[in-house]
Every structure is written in structure tokens, then in C-alpha cells.
Amino acid sequence: MAVFLTEASRIIVQGMTGAEGRKHTARMLAAGSDVVGGVTPGKGGRSVETGGRTLPVFDSVADAMARTGADTTVVFVPPKFAKGAVVEAVDAGIGLCVVITEGIPVHDTAAFWAHALSTGGRTRIIGPNCPGVISPGKSNAGIIPADITGPGRIGLVSKSGTLTYQLMYELRDIGFSTAVGIGGDPIIGTTHIDALAAFEADPQTELIVMIGEIGGDAEERAAAFVTEYVSKPVVGYVAGFTAPEGRTMGHAGAIVSGSSGSAAAKKEALEAAGVKVGKTPSDTAELARASLAQLVP
């Protein structure tokens, strides 16, 4: 099985006519994703040649869904237009909205997330400022490289795009059911907890790798969830042990004030929940291998 994204997912790309949208549409197609069209207001009726395919462009998400049966959208529009793009996708009732765009104002993210909740949460939002989601061998929605791993037994949820890629590569011989890059902004749609719950329910996923980073309390809340609801082994890594206090580092959500939000505090909370936490990404990969080896066949 796969989490959030399967081989049956039909994908549209909001912003496909732009350089980034076109480039990553080609990469998604090469990964086997069923990309069925794009959306750019005012350019409906045109087409885009990319990845060896000719894909139709629609004026709206609703029109694209009606014409193609799309159930997933990947958002590549500039930050100032991202709020409108996500609200449009939510209003159209699409099931999954993957927001790749970086630099969206926090109040815009808060607005479109609140709007999604007001509709009953029928649209799952992943991101913003994220690499997307991939179910290797099935589908890829976003910018995660598809050739660094294959299908397998591990579920991965991560705030960091580059660390997502590194862990996928280091554990490529085992493979992944799904890898979800949730993004590191202060407000995001899908959280560590959402992904942990999905992986816990997925029979293909035997072990979960969770990557966090300094700032906020998402990892501490995830640790409490693991204690209460997760029976599968979980291995973790927290980036930012050497970050100075009171400084924003990397992702907009990563800020440390005293011990609150620090890597050490997150590591302590995770280990108290039974999560094995690596000192480095490579150490985390070795912990994952050891944990899988201990599972009863």
C-alpha cells in the first residue's frame, strides 16, 4: 500500500506553464506519476509539451477536475499567488493539495489552512515549503528525486527536504512505502502526527523514520502521540544540535529560545517515548536497519 499518494492518483499542476512547474512536471512523469494536466488562469485551452507528453492547461482547478478526474494538485505558483491557488483547490474539493512554494507569508498559510478546515478538512494539504510526497514505484507529487530509492518497508516523515533525500538514499536497499516532506514553516497542513497515524495504519510500513528540527513543539507532540498510539518501531533524527539560541535557522519555523524547541529537548522527549534517536543522519539509518532486523519475520 501507499500513504496519501498511490498509483491511481491523478495529478494536476498549478503553475505548470512556469519554468519550475514545467520542469518538475517532466520529473513527475518520468517517475511514473499520472499527471493529467495543469492549471494557469487565463491560459485555459493551451497545452504544455513536457516529459514527452502534451498536457492540457485549464483555467481553474474545478475545470481540470471535471475534465480529467484529477484528485491531487501540486502547487508551483509564486508566493503572492499561493493563497489564492490553495483556496481555489480547496473550493474545488480536491483530495490532496501539495504546496511546494517557499516564502508564503505565514498569515496567508494560516488563512488557507483555516479555509480548508472550514470545509470539513476534505482537502489534505501537505506543505507549504516542502518537497512533496512520493510512494516509490507508484507516484511522485512534488520535487523529491524518484531515482534514489525504491518501494519497501519504511515510512518517512520529515520537516527537511535535503534530509528526506539523504535518508531515502542511505536506506535505498530497504526501500520506502511512502516518504512525506511536511515542510518546516511555522504553520503547515499535514503534521508529523498525521503521517505517524497513516503509517501506523498502513500494513506495508513496518518501521517509521521521523525527521525533525529545532523550533516549535511538533516533535514533542509527536512523541506523546507515539507513546499513546504507535505500535511500530520509530527511529528519529533532530537537526540543529549546534544552533545558537534565539536565532532563526534555515526553515522559518526553526527558532530556539532557551531549552524550548531545542534539539536536546526534542531528543529527550522522543527517547522517553521509545523512539531511537540518531546523532547523525547516517547513525539514524543504522538505527533503522537494526530495528528492522529485530522484527519478528
Protein backbone atom coordinates (compact mmCIF):
# COMPACT_ATOMS: atom_id res chain seq x y z
CA MET A 1 0.00 0.00 0.00
CA ALA A 2 0.95 3.68 -0.01
CA VAL A 3 0.11 6.65 2.18
CA PHE A 4 -1.70 9.72 0.77
CA LEU A 5 -0.49 9.00 -2.80
CA THR A 6 -0.98 5.85 -4.90
CA GLU A 7 -0.54 4.68 -8.48
CA ALA A 8 -4.22 5.60 -9.01
CA SER A 9 -3.67 9.27 -8.08
CA ARG A 10 -4.43 11.64 -10.96
CA ILE A 11 -2.33 14.78 -10.65
CA ILE A 12 -2.69 18.32 -11.93
CA VAL A 13 -0.01 21.00 -11.57
CA GLN A 14 -1.00 24.54 -10.65
CA GLY A 15 1.62 26.70 -12.35
CA MET A 16 2.61 24.09 -14.93
CA THR A 17 3.20 26.79 -17.56
CA GLY A 18 6.00 28.33 -15.46
CA ALA A 19 9.61 27.16 -15.62
CA GLU A 20 9.59 25.28 -12.30
CA GLY A 21 6.17 23.78 -12.88
CA ARG A 22 7.11 22.54 -16.33
CA LYS A 23 10.46 21.11 -15.18
CA HIS A 24 9.06 19.21 -12.25
CA THR A 25 6.05 18.02 -14.21
CA ALA A 26 8.55 16.28 -16.51
CA ARG A 27 10.29 14.74 -13.49
CA MET A 28 6.99 13.53 -12.05
CA LEU A 29 6.06 11.97 -15.37
CA ALA A 30 9.44 10.24 -15.54
CA ALA A 31 8.73 8.78 -12.09
CA GLY A 32 5.54 7.20 -13.39
CA SER A 33 3.10 9.72 -11.93
CA ASP A 34 -0.22 10.08 -13.73
CA VAL A 35 -0.06 13.82 -14.43
CA VAL A 36 -3.20 14.69 -16.38
CA GLY A 37 -2.97 18.45 -16.85
CA GLY A 38 -2.13 21.86 -15.47
CA VAL A 39 -3.88 24.98 -14.25
CA THR A 40 -2.96 28.57 -15.09
CA PRO A 41 -5.76 31.17 -15.03
CA GLY A 42 -6.13 32.82 -18.41
CA LYS A 43 -4.28 30.09 -20.27
CA GLY A 44 -7.04 27.51 -20.47
CA GLY A 45 -7.20 25.71 -23.78
CA ARG A 46 -3.47 25.76 -24.32
CA SER A 47 -1.16 22.81 -23.85
CA VAL A 48 2.33 22.19 -22.49
CA GLU A 49 4.92 19.90 -24.04
CA THR A 50 6.98 18.34 -21.29
CA GLY A 51 8.37 14.95 -20.36
CA GLY A 52 7.45 13.57 -23.77
CA ARG A 53 3.78 14.37 -23.21
CA THR A 54 1.35 17.01 -24.38
CA LEU A 55 -0.71 18.08 -21.37
CA PRO A 56 -3.80 20.31 -21.41
CA VAL A 57 -3.94 23.56 -19.45
CA PHE A 58 -7.14 24.65 -17.71
CA ASP A 59 -8.26 27.99 -16.29
CA SER A 60 -9.33 26.55 -12.94
CA VAL A 61 -8.88 23.57 -10.68
CA ALA A 62 -12.61 22.84 -10.84
CA ASP A 63 -12.49 22.68 -14.64
CA ALA A 64 -9.39 20.47 -14.57
CA MET A 65 -11.04 18.08 -12.13
CA ALA A 66 -14.21 17.89 -14.20
CA ARG A 67 -12.31 17.24 -17.42
CA THR A 68 -9.59 14.88 -16.15
CA GLY A 69 -10.84 13.28 -12.93
CA ALA A 70 -7.87 14.74 -11.04
CA ASP A 71 -7.76 14.12 -7.30
CA THR A 72 -4.34 15.63 -6.48
CA THR A 73 -2.79 19.01 -7.19
CA VAL A 74 0.81 20.19 -6.85
CA VAL A 75 1.21 23.94 -6.36
CA PHE A 76 4.20 25.65 -8.01
CA VAL A 77 2.82 29.19 -8.16
CA PRO A 78 4.76 32.23 -6.80
CA PRO A 79 4.29 33.10 -3.10
CA LYS A 80 1.98 36.07 -3.65
CA PHE A 81 -0.47 33.90 -5.61
CA ALA A 82 -0.19 30.76 -3.45
CA LYS A 83 -3.03 31.57 -1.07
CA GLY A 84 -5.45 32.05 -3.95
CA ALA A 85 -4.27 28.85 -5.61
CA VAL A 86 -4.77 26.74 -2.49
CA VAL A 87 -8.15 28.28 -1.69
CA GLU A 88 -9.23 27.53 -5.26
CA ALA A 89 -8.13 23.91 -4.90
CA VAL A 90 -9.97 23.56 -1.60
CA ASP A 91 -13.13 25.12 -3.01
CA ALA A 92 -12.98 22.66 -5.92
CA GLY A 93 -12.94 19.81 -3.39
CA ILE A 94 -9.70 18.18 -4.49
CA GLY A 95 -8.50 15.44 -2.15
CA LEU A 96 -4.79 16.26 -1.89
CA CYS A 97 -3.02 19.59 -2.30
CA VAL A 98 0.79 19.54 -2.19
CA VAL A 99 2.17 23.07 -1.76
CA ILE A 100 5.80 23.24 -2.89
CA THR A 101 6.08 27.04 -2.89
CA GLU A 102 8.59 28.55 -0.48
CA GLY A 103 8.27 32.02 1.06
CA ILE A 104 4.49 32.15 1.51
CA PRO A 105 3.61 34.71 4.20
CA VAL A 106 2.57 32.98 7.41
CA HIS A 107 -0.75 34.85 7.53
CA ASP A 108 -1.55 33.56 4.03
CA THR A 109 -0.85 29.98 5.11
CA ALA A 110 -2.98 30.48 8.22
CA ALA A 111 -5.80 31.78 6.03
CA PHE A 112 -5.84 28.91 3.53
CA TRP A 113 -5.40 26.32 6.26
CA ALA A 114 -8.34 27.79 8.21
CA HIS A 115 -10.35 27.80 4.99
CA ALA A 116 -9.57 24.13 4.43
CA LEU A 117 -10.70 23.30 7.96
CA SER A 118 -13.90 25.26 7.46
CA THR A 119 -14.84 22.92 4.59
CA GLY A 120 -14.56 19.91 6.88
CA GLY A 121 -10.98 19.03 6.01
CA ARG A 122 -11.94 17.31 2.74
CA THR A 123 -8.67 18.53 1.20
CA ARG A 124 -5.44 17.27 2.75
CA ILE A 125 -2.76 19.93 2.49
CA ILE A 126 0.93 18.95 2.52
CA GLY A 127 3.32 21.85 2.97
CA PRO A 128 3.93 24.64 2.21
CA ASN A 129 7.68 24.94 1.64
CA CYS A 130 8.01 21.20 1.24
CA PRO A 131 9.41 18.68 -1.25
CA GLY A 132 6.11 16.82 -1.51
CA VAL A 133 5.22 13.15 -1.21
CA ILE A 134 6.46 10.06 -3.03
CA SER A 135 5.31 6.45 -3.00
CA PRO A 136 8.28 4.87 -4.79
CA GLY A 137 7.35 2.84 -7.83
CA LYS A 138 3.81 4.23 -7.72
CA SER A 139 3.66 8.01 -7.86
CA ASN A 140 5.53 11.20 -7.04
CA ALA A 141 3.88 14.55 -6.32
CA GLY A 142 6.49 17.25 -5.85
CA ILE A 143 10.26 17.57 -6.21
CA ILE A 144 11.61 14.50 -4.36
CA PRO A 145 14.12 12.68 -6.61
CA ALA A 146 12.49 9.44 -7.71
CA ASP A 147 15.66 7.51 -8.56
CA ILE A 148 17.33 7.41 -5.14
CA THR A 149 15.24 4.63 -3.66
CA GLY A 150 12.56 2.05 -4.42
CA PRO A 151 9.44 0.60 -2.81
CA GLY A 152 9.92 -1.04 0.56
CA ARG A 153 9.09 -1.31 4.24
CA ILE A 154 9.90 2.11 5.70
CA GLY A 155 7.64 5.12 6.12
CA LEU A 156 9.39 8.50 6.30
CA VAL A 157 8.06 11.83 7.54
CA SER A 158 10.36 14.84 7.55
CA LYS A 159 10.46 18.61 8.02
CA SER A 160 13.61 18.86 5.91
CA GLY A 161 13.78 18.25 2.18
CA THR A 162 17.51 17.53 1.97
CA LEU A 163 17.43 15.19 4.95
CA THR A 164 14.49 13.40 3.34
CA TYR A 165 16.66 12.71 0.31
CA GLN A 166 19.65 11.63 2.40
CA LEU A 167 17.72 9.09 4.48
CA MET A 168 15.98 7.74 1.39
CA TYR A 169 19.36 7.23 -0.26
CA GLU A 170 21.04 5.69 2.78
CA LEU A 171 18.17 3.20 3.18
CA ARG A 172 17.64 2.62 -0.55
CA ASP A 173 18.37 -1.11 -0.29
CA ILE A 174 15.37 -1.49 2.03
CA GLY A 175 13.06 1.00 0.33
CA PHE A 176 10.03 3.03 1.36
CA SER A 177 6.27 2.67 1.37
CA THR A 178 5.91 6.45 1.26
CA ALA A 179 8.08 9.46 2.11
CA VAL A 180 6.30 12.65 3.14
CA GLY A 181 8.06 16.01 3.30
CA ILE A 182 5.81 18.12 5.51
CA GLY A 183 7.84 21.35 5.37
CA GLY A 184 9.36 23.42 8.13
CA ASP A 185 7.23 26.58 8.17
CA PRO A 186 5.53 27.63 11.43
CA ILE A 187 2.12 26.64 10.02
CA ILE A 188 1.78 23.53 7.88
CA GLY A 189 -1.07 21.31 6.78
CA THR A 190 -0.11 17.68 7.36
CA THR A 191 1.91 17.18 10.54
CA HIS A 192 4.24 14.54 11.96
CA ILE A 193 1.26 13.17 13.87
CA ASP A 194 -0.90 12.87 10.74
CA ALA A 195 1.85 10.91 8.98
CA LEU A 196 2.56 8.74 12.03
CA ALA A 197 -1.12 7.78 12.19
CA ALA A 198 -1.19 6.95 8.48
CA PHE A 199 1.95 4.82 8.69
CA GLU A 200 0.66 3.03 11.77
CA ALA A 201 -2.44 2.05 9.77
CA ASP A 202 -0.50 1.02 6.65
CA PRO A 203 0.26 -2.73 6.56
CA GLN A 204 3.24 -2.29 4.20
CA THR A 205 5.02 0.09 6.59
CA GLU A 206 7.00 -1.88 9.18
CA LEU A 207 9.14 0.94 10.57
CA ILE A 208 8.79 4.73 10.69
CA VAL A 209 11.60 7.25 10.34
CA MET A 210 10.75 10.72 11.66
CA ILE A 211 12.99 13.71 10.94
CA GLY A 212 12.53 16.91 12.92
CA GLU A 213 14.42 20.08 13.52
CA ILE A 214 14.79 22.77 16.15
CA GLY A 215 11.94 25.16 16.82
CA GLY A 216 8.36 24.76 17.97
CA ASP A 217 7.00 21.73 19.78
CA ALA A 218 5.91 19.49 16.89
CA GLU A 219 8.38 16.74 17.79
CA GLU A 220 7.38 16.78 21.45
CA ARG A 221 3.72 16.43 20.47
CA ALA A 222 4.65 13.64 18.06
CA ALA A 223 6.48 11.87 20.89
CA ALA A 224 3.33 11.96 23.02
CA PHE A 225 1.35 10.53 20.09
CA VAL A 226 3.88 7.72 19.61
CA THR A 227 3.56 6.79 23.29
CA GLU A 228 -0.21 6.60 23.06
CA TYR A 229 -0.98 5.30 19.58
CA VAL A 230 2.00 3.90 17.65
CA SER A 231 2.94 0.23 18.00
CA LYS A 232 5.51 0.10 15.19
CA PRO A 233 9.17 0.94 15.83
CA VAL A 234 10.06 4.60 15.25
CA VAL A 235 13.54 5.97 14.61
CA GLY A 236 14.17 9.71 14.71
CA TYR A 237 16.65 12.44 13.95
CA VAL A 238 16.54 16.07 15.06
CA ALA A 239 18.58 18.62 13.11
CA GLY A 240 20.10 21.60 14.86
CA PHE A 241 22.15 20.50 17.89
CA THR A 242 24.75 23.19 17.22
CA ALA A 243 22.32 26.04 16.51
CA PRO A 244 22.71 29.12 18.75
CA GLU A 245 19.82 30.10 20.99
CA GLY A 246 17.47 32.84 19.85
CA ARG A 247 18.39 32.52 16.19
CA THR A 248 16.21 31.52 13.27
CA MET A 249 17.98 28.77 11.38
CA GLY A 250 17.01 27.51 7.93
CA HIS A 251 13.28 26.88 7.81
CA ALA A 252 11.10 29.72 9.03
CA GLY A 253 9.79 27.52 11.85
CA ALA A 254 13.21 26.74 13.30
CA ILE A 255 13.88 29.17 16.12
CA VAL A 256 15.28 28.32 19.53
CA SER A 257 14.60 30.20 22.74
CA GLY A 258 16.32 28.70 25.74
CA SER A 259 15.65 24.97 26.04
CA SER A 260 12.21 25.27 24.45
CA GLY A 261 12.35 23.90 20.93
CA SER A 262 15.97 22.82 21.23
CA ALA A 263 17.31 19.67 19.64
CA ALA A 264 18.26 18.28 23.06
CA ALA A 265 14.74 18.78 24.43
CA LYS A 266 13.20 17.11 21.39
CA LYS A 267 15.63 14.19 21.57
CA GLU A 268 14.78 13.69 25.25
CA ALA A 269 11.04 13.69 24.56
CA LEU A 270 11.38 11.24 21.68
CA GLU A 271 13.60 8.85 23.60
CA ALA A 272 11.17 8.93 26.52
CA ALA A 273 8.53 7.72 24.05
CA GLY A 274 10.72 4.79 23.00
CA VAL A 275 11.97 6.40 19.79
CA LYS A 276 15.59 5.64 18.95
CA VAL A 277 17.23 8.94 18.01
CA GLY A 278 20.34 9.08 15.85
CA LYS A 279 23.20 11.50 16.38
CA THR A 280 23.63 11.99 12.64
CA PRO A 281 21.57 11.06 9.56
CA SER A 282 23.88 8.10 8.90
CA ASP A 283 23.58 6.96 12.50
CA THR A 284 19.79 7.22 12.15
CA ALA A 285 19.90 4.98 9.09
CA GLU A 286 21.89 2.38 11.02
CA LEU A 287 19.37 2.51 13.87
CA ALA A 288 16.61 1.89 11.33
CA ARG A 289 18.44 -1.15 9.96
CA ALA A 290 18.98 -2.54 13.45
CA SER A 291 15.34 -2.01 14.40
CA LEU A 292 14.11 -3.77 11.27
CA ALA A 293 16.48 -6.66 11.92
CA GLN A 294 14.91 -7.16 15.33
CA LEU A 295 11.38 -7.52 13.97
CA VAL A 296 9.89 -10.99 14.04
CA PRO A 297 9.65 -12.30 10.44
